[in-house]
Amino acid sequence: MAAASGEVVAFLGLGQMGRPMARLLRNAGYRLQAFDVSPQSRALYEADGGATVGSEAEACRGAALVITMLPNGGIVQDALIKSGAVKGVASGALVIEMSSSAPMQTRRLGEILGDQGVALIDAPVSGGVARATTGKLAIMVGGAVENLERARPLLQCMAQSILRVGPLGAGHAMKALNNYVSAAGLVAACEAVIVGRAFGLDPETIVDTLNASTGRNNSTETKMKPFVLSGSFGSGFAAALMAKDVATALDLAKSVGIDADGIAAAAALWREASGAMKPGADHTAIFEFLSEREGKKGE
């Protein structure tokens, strides 16, 4: 783990992912000024030993590095620009945008921040709450090499792998595509269990066999038994966020003139599922949605 510098770090977003990430930075010795608009999120962070401030502006005041870990790019722009918080950062500050945002929106944010003398990289993460807690996230970075190198010591506190995938916006493009593949893999695994169970196969045997065969994927390895077959549906990543990320992947495909039928189908399915689920439902609960839909077809 890299040693912390004496620079002040603003951390905006203390949700399920942000809290453990901020904890790792705090434990590494970074001087954090942390904030979340949710009083509950702030209380949970404080109960974990962290300290919070009262606003985005207070978090950003004097900060040389600003981390955003928020639901989407629109909220990021509100937190930094609309609130005026970015005006209080240190001269030559760097914003590290770790949310799952739309790539073109990220490029526009880069232009706005650049006009104010603030640099930006997009650095979304993959790995979920478990890997956020252990500091083993995969971080996909878009932006100038020199800005990545400036952020690298801090990112190393949270990551198992740091991958520069291209210029500004490329990290968010890669995250959307990654989550499309992840979402499709989960649906495939769930449908395999639903069909196999109807035939008379044991669900655990199905998952074990997939994991010993070419059908193995992240969902079969890390989600099906602990969160789907157990019925807990508590992986820590919301169905609405997965639906949003797959929609972002579809928007990306359209922006480059590609008719991606698989992404379009996945986006439609996840949009329908997210709308049918209860608010805040975990993305692994798509198994229940798929099961209930098949049951209704048989009525």
Protein backbone atom coordinates (compact mmCIF):
# COMPACT_ATOMS: atom_id res chain seq x y z
CA MET A 1 0.00 0.00 0.00
CA ALA A 2 1.33 3.38 -1.01
CA ALA A 3 2.22 5.89 1.66
CA ALA A 4 -0.15 8.84 1.97
CA SER A 5 0.92 12.32 0.99
CA GLY A 6 0.08 15.34 3.10
CA GLU A 7 -2.46 16.55 0.53
CA VAL A 8 -6.10 17.02 1.51
CA VAL A 9 -8.47 14.60 -0.24
CA ALA A 10 -12.16 15.39 -0.67
CA PHE A 11 -14.35 12.26 -0.82
CA LEU A 12 -17.90 12.74 -2.10
CA GLY A 13 -20.18 9.71 -1.82
CA LEU A 14 -20.27 7.43 1.23
CA GLY A 15 -22.63 4.73 0.01
CA GLN A 16 -22.06 0.99 0.08
CA MET A 17 -18.97 1.29 -2.12
CA GLY A 18 -17.74 4.69 -1.01
CA ARG A 19 -17.61 3.89 2.70
CA PRO A 20 -15.11 1.03 2.50
CA MET A 21 -13.07 2.86 -0.11
CA ALA A 22 -12.84 5.94 2.10
CA ARG A 23 -11.94 3.73 5.05
CA LEU A 24 -8.97 2.29 3.15
CA LEU A 25 -7.70 5.78 2.34
CA ARG A 26 -8.20 6.90 5.92
CA ASN A 27 -6.33 3.86 7.20
CA ALA A 28 -3.51 4.62 4.76
CA GLY A 29 -3.10 8.03 6.37
CA TYR A 30 -4.85 10.29 3.88
CA ARG A 31 -6.45 13.46 5.23
CA LEU A 32 -10.05 13.02 4.13
CA GLN A 33 -12.80 15.61 4.02
CA ALA A 34 -15.77 13.32 3.44
CA PHE A 35 -19.38 14.14 2.63
CA ASP A 36 -22.60 12.50 1.49
CA VAL A 37 -26.00 14.14 1.05
CA SER A 38 -27.57 11.21 2.92
CA PRO A 39 -27.58 11.65 6.72
CA GLN A 40 -27.79 7.87 7.08
CA SER A 41 -24.68 7.35 4.95
CA ARG A 42 -22.79 9.97 6.96
CA ALA A 43 -23.88 8.32 10.20
CA LEU A 44 -22.72 4.89 9.04
CA TYR A 45 -19.35 6.31 8.01
CA GLU A 46 -18.96 8.06 11.35
CA ALA A 47 -19.92 4.87 13.20
CA ASP A 48 -17.06 3.21 11.32
CA GLY A 49 -14.62 5.73 12.75
CA GLY A 50 -14.63 8.35 10.01
CA ALA A 51 -15.39 12.05 10.24
CA THR A 52 -17.64 13.97 7.85
CA VAL A 53 -18.13 17.59 6.92
CA GLY A 54 -21.36 19.48 6.27
CA SER A 55 -21.41 20.06 2.51
CA GLU A 56 -19.71 19.44 -0.84
CA ALA A 57 -18.15 22.88 -0.60
CA GLU A 58 -16.66 22.14 2.80
CA ALA A 59 -15.31 18.81 1.56
CA CYS A 60 -13.65 20.41 -1.45
CA ARG A 61 -12.21 23.40 0.37
CA GLY A 62 -8.43 23.32 -0.05
CA ALA A 63 -8.44 19.78 -1.49
CA ALA A 64 -5.69 18.83 -3.92
CA LEU A 65 -7.49 15.62 -4.89
CA VAL A 66 -11.26 15.15 -5.15
CA ILE A 67 -12.86 11.71 -5.37
CA THR A 68 -16.45 11.38 -6.53
CA MET A 69 -18.22 8.04 -5.89
CA LEU A 70 -21.80 8.95 -6.74
CA PRO A 71 -24.74 7.30 -8.56
CA ASN A 72 -24.28 8.98 -11.95
CA GLY A 73 -22.59 11.78 -13.86
CA GLY A 74 -25.47 14.21 -13.44
CA ILE A 75 -25.14 14.01 -9.67
CA VAL A 76 -21.37 14.43 -10.01
CA GLN A 77 -21.86 17.65 -11.97
CA ASP A 78 -24.35 18.91 -9.40
CA ALA A 79 -21.97 18.10 -6.55
CA LEU A 80 -18.97 19.81 -8.13
CA ILE A 81 -20.30 22.50 -10.46
CA LYS A 82 -23.87 23.41 -9.53
CA SER A 83 -22.98 23.60 -5.82
CA GLY A 84 -19.92 25.71 -6.60
CA ALA A 85 -17.78 23.33 -4.53
CA VAL A 86 -15.07 23.04 -7.16
CA LYS A 87 -14.29 26.73 -6.77
CA GLY A 88 -12.78 26.00 -3.37
CA VAL A 89 -10.27 23.32 -4.36
CA ALA A 90 -6.53 23.90 -4.23
CA SER A 91 -4.78 25.34 -7.25
CA GLY A 92 -4.10 22.63 -9.83
CA ALA A 93 -6.41 20.12 -8.16
CA LEU A 94 -7.26 16.75 -9.73
CA VAL A 95 -10.74 15.25 -9.71
CA ILE A 96 -10.90 11.45 -9.75
CA GLU A 97 -14.38 10.52 -11.00
CA MET A 98 -15.01 6.96 -9.75
CA SER A 99 -18.77 6.84 -10.33
CA SER A 100 -20.44 4.91 -13.17
CA SER A 101 -21.14 7.79 -15.53
CA ALA A 102 -21.83 8.33 -19.23
CA PRO A 103 -18.58 8.75 -21.24
CA MET A 104 -19.66 11.81 -23.23
CA GLN A 105 -20.89 13.47 -20.05
CA THR A 106 -17.46 12.84 -18.54
CA ARG A 107 -15.74 14.54 -21.47
CA ARG A 108 -18.00 17.56 -21.05
CA LEU A 109 -17.18 17.66 -17.33
CA GLY A 110 -13.51 17.60 -18.25
CA GLU A 111 -14.00 20.69 -20.40
CA ILE A 112 -15.86 22.54 -17.64
CA LEU A 113 -13.25 21.67 -15.02
CA GLY A 114 -10.39 22.44 -17.39
CA ASP A 115 -11.72 25.98 -17.85
CA GLN A 116 -11.30 26.36 -14.08
CA GLY A 117 -7.77 24.94 -14.03
CA VAL A 118 -8.85 21.58 -12.57
CA ALA A 119 -7.78 18.27 -14.13
CA LEU A 120 -9.99 15.18 -14.41
CA ILE A 121 -9.61 11.44 -14.82
CA ASP A 122 -12.45 8.94 -14.89
CA ALA A 123 -11.66 5.89 -12.76
CA PRO A 124 -14.74 3.69 -12.27
CA VAL A 125 -14.35 0.46 -10.36
CA SER A 126 -15.39 -3.18 -10.57
CA GLY A 127 -15.49 -5.77 -7.83
CA GLY A 128 -18.44 -4.88 -5.66
CA VAL A 129 -18.57 -4.25 -1.93
CA ALA A 130 -16.47 -7.30 -1.04
CA ARG A 131 -13.47 -6.15 -3.07
CA ALA A 132 -14.00 -2.52 -2.09
CA THR A 133 -13.65 -3.66 1.52
CA THR A 134 -10.44 -5.61 0.92
CA GLY A 135 -8.82 -3.08 -1.41
CA LYS A 136 -8.86 -5.43 -4.40
CA LEU A 137 -10.94 -3.47 -6.87
CA ALA A 138 -10.23 -3.28 -10.59
CA ILE A 139 -10.02 0.39 -11.59
CA MET A 140 -10.46 1.42 -15.23
CA VAL A 141 -8.86 4.80 -15.89
CA GLY A 142 -9.43 7.25 -18.69
CA GLY A 143 -7.37 10.42 -18.98
CA ALA A 144 -3.89 11.78 -19.36
CA VAL A 145 -1.03 9.55 -18.23
CA GLU A 146 0.43 12.26 -15.98
CA ASN A 147 -2.87 12.63 -14.16
CA LEU A 148 -3.12 8.88 -13.62
CA GLU A 149 0.41 8.82 -12.22
CA ARG A 150 -0.48 11.61 -9.83
CA ALA A 151 -3.49 9.61 -8.62
CA ARG A 152 -1.80 6.20 -8.63
CA PRO A 153 -0.56 6.15 -4.99
CA LEU A 154 -4.09 6.86 -3.80
CA LEU A 155 -5.69 4.39 -6.22
CA GLN A 156 -3.28 1.66 -5.14
CA CYS A 157 -4.79 1.77 -1.67
CA MET A 158 -8.08 0.56 -3.12
CA ALA A 159 -7.10 -1.58 -6.08
CA GLN A 160 -5.73 -4.94 -7.07
CA SER A 161 -5.37 -3.73 -10.65
CA ILE A 162 -5.25 -0.28 -12.24
CA LEU A 163 -5.83 -0.30 -15.99
CA ARG A 164 -5.46 2.80 -18.15
CA VAL A 165 -7.89 2.10 -20.96
CA GLY A 166 -7.61 5.32 -22.99
CA PRO A 167 -8.27 9.07 -22.98
CA LEU A 168 -10.81 10.87 -20.83
CA GLY A 169 -14.17 9.06 -20.91
CA ALA A 170 -12.64 5.71 -21.78
CA GLY A 171 -12.85 4.47 -18.20
CA HIS A 172 -16.58 5.09 -18.07
CA ALA A 173 -17.04 3.54 -21.51
CA MET A 174 -15.19 0.43 -20.39
CA LYS A 175 -17.17 0.23 -17.14
CA ALA A 176 -20.48 0.34 -19.02
CA LEU A 177 -19.33 -2.40 -21.38
CA ASN A 178 -18.01 -4.49 -18.49
CA ASN A 179 -21.32 -4.23 -16.67
CA TYR A 180 -23.22 -5.19 -19.81
CA VAL A 181 -21.15 -8.39 -20.02
CA SER A 182 -21.65 -8.97 -16.29
CA ALA A 183 -25.41 -8.36 -16.54
CA ALA A 184 -25.72 -10.70 -19.51
CA GLY A 185 -23.74 -13.39 -17.70
CA LEU A 186 -26.00 -13.18 -14.65
CA VAL A 187 -29.15 -13.48 -16.76
CA ALA A 188 -27.67 -16.46 -18.63
CA ALA A 189 -26.79 -18.21 -15.36
CA CYS A 190 -30.22 -17.51 -13.85
CA GLU A 191 -32.04 -18.78 -16.92
CA ALA A 192 -29.88 -21.90 -16.99
CA VAL A 193 -30.93 -22.65 -13.40
CA ILE A 194 -34.60 -21.93 -14.13
CA VAL A 195 -34.66 -24.21 -17.20
CA GLY A 196 -32.52 -26.90 -15.58
CA ARG A 197 -34.63 -26.94 -12.43
CA ALA A 198 -37.80 -27.34 -14.52
CA PHE A 199 -36.19 -30.34 -16.20
CA GLY A 200 -35.32 -31.84 -12.82
CA LEU A 201 -31.69 -30.83 -12.35
CA ASP A 202 -30.48 -29.73 -8.93
CA PRO A 203 -29.64 -25.97 -8.98
CA GLU A 204 -26.39 -26.41 -7.03
CA THR A 205 -25.33 -29.16 -9.42
CA ILE A 206 -26.05 -26.83 -12.33
CA VAL A 207 -23.82 -24.12 -10.86
CA ASP A 208 -21.05 -26.56 -9.95
CA THR A 209 -21.10 -27.98 -13.47
CA LEU A 210 -21.03 -24.55 -15.08
CA ASN A 211 -18.04 -23.65 -12.92
CA ALA A 212 -16.20 -26.77 -14.05
CA SER A 213 -17.07 -26.09 -17.69
CA THR A 214 -16.95 -23.40 -20.34
CA GLY A 215 -20.09 -21.69 -19.02
CA ARG A 216 -18.15 -20.40 -16.02
CA ASN A 217 -18.35 -16.64 -15.46
CA ASN A 218 -18.23 -14.17 -12.60
CA SER A 219 -21.88 -14.70 -11.77
CA THR A 220 -21.60 -18.48 -11.61
CA GLU A 221 -18.49 -18.18 -9.45
CA THR A 222 -19.41 -15.38 -7.05
CA LYS A 223 -23.15 -14.66 -7.20
CA MET A 224 -25.26 -17.75 -7.88
CA LYS A 225 -24.70 -19.74 -4.69
CA PRO A 226 -24.20 -16.98 -2.07
CA PHE A 227 -26.85 -14.57 -3.33
CA VAL A 228 -29.21 -16.32 -5.77
CA LEU A 229 -29.59 -19.94 -4.68
CA SER A 230 -29.45 -18.87 -1.02
CA GLY A 231 -32.31 -16.46 -1.64
CA SER A 232 -30.47 -13.63 0.15
CA PHE A 233 -30.24 -11.41 -2.94
CA GLY A 234 -27.82 -9.13 -1.11
CA SER A 235 -24.67 -8.65 -3.19
CA GLY A 236 -24.66 -4.90 -2.51
CA PHE A 237 -25.30 -3.64 -6.06
CA ALA A 238 -28.76 -2.40 -6.95
CA ALA A 239 -30.74 -3.60 -9.96
CA ALA A 240 -31.50 0.01 -10.88
CA LEU A 241 -27.78 0.76 -11.11
CA MET A 242 -27.18 -2.28 -13.30
CA ALA A 243 -30.05 -1.21 -15.56
CA LYS A 244 -28.54 2.27 -15.76
CA ASP A 245 -25.10 0.91 -16.67
CA VAL A 246 -26.43 -1.37 -19.41
CA ALA A 247 -28.44 1.56 -20.79
CA THR A 248 -25.20 3.56 -20.84
CA ALA A 249 -23.54 0.78 -22.84
CA LEU A 250 -26.41 0.92 -25.34
CA ASP A 251 -26.12 4.70 -25.61
CA LEU A 252 -22.40 4.27 -26.23
CA ALA A 253 -23.05 1.78 -29.04
CA LYS A 254 -25.54 4.15 -30.66
CA SER A 255 -23.10 7.07 -30.38
CA VAL A 256 -20.52 5.17 -32.45
CA GLY A 257 -23.08 3.98 -34.99
CA ILE A 258 -23.28 0.32 -34.01
CA ASP A 259 -26.50 -1.70 -33.81
CA ALA A 260 -25.62 -3.90 -30.86
CA ASP A 261 -28.59 -6.25 -30.69
CA GLY A 262 -27.31 -8.08 -27.61
CA ILE A 263 -26.83 -4.87 -25.65
CA ALA A 264 -30.24 -3.61 -26.79
CA ALA A 265 -31.93 -6.80 -25.63
CA ALA A 266 -30.11 -6.73 -22.30
CA ALA A 267 -30.97 -3.07 -21.76
CA ALA A 268 -34.67 -3.73 -22.42
CA LEU A 269 -34.71 -6.72 -20.05
CA TRP A 270 -32.94 -4.91 -17.23
CA ARG A 271 -35.13 -1.84 -17.65
CA GLU A 272 -38.24 -4.01 -17.38
CA ALA A 273 -36.85 -5.97 -14.42
CA SER A 274 -35.74 -2.89 -12.52
CA GLY A 275 -39.14 -1.31 -12.97
CA ALA A 276 -40.90 -4.43 -11.69
CA MET A 277 -38.68 -4.93 -8.62
CA LYS A 278 -39.17 -3.20 -5.30
CA PRO A 279 -37.14 0.00 -4.81
CA GLY A 280 -33.54 -0.73 -3.83
CA ALA A 281 -33.70 -4.39 -4.92
CA ASP A 282 -30.34 -6.06 -5.45
CA HIS A 283 -29.41 -6.90 -9.03
CA THR A 284 -29.18 -10.60 -8.18
CA ALA A 285 -32.95 -10.49 -7.50
CA ILE A 286 -33.42 -10.57 -11.27
CA PHE A 287 -33.62 -14.33 -10.67
CA GLU A 288 -36.95 -13.78 -8.92
CA PHE A 289 -38.17 -11.56 -11.75
CA LEU A 290 -37.22 -14.14 -14.38
CA SER A 291 -38.76 -16.98 -12.38
CA GLU A 292 -42.01 -15.12 -11.81
CA ARG A 293 -42.24 -14.12 -15.46
CA GLU A 294 -41.86 -17.71 -16.58
CA GLY A 295 -44.44 -18.76 -14.02
CA LYS A 296 -46.95 -16.25 -15.37
CA LYS A 297 -46.42 -17.54 -18.92
CA GLY A 298 -47.44 -20.99 -17.72
CA GLU A 299 -50.69 -19.82 -16.10
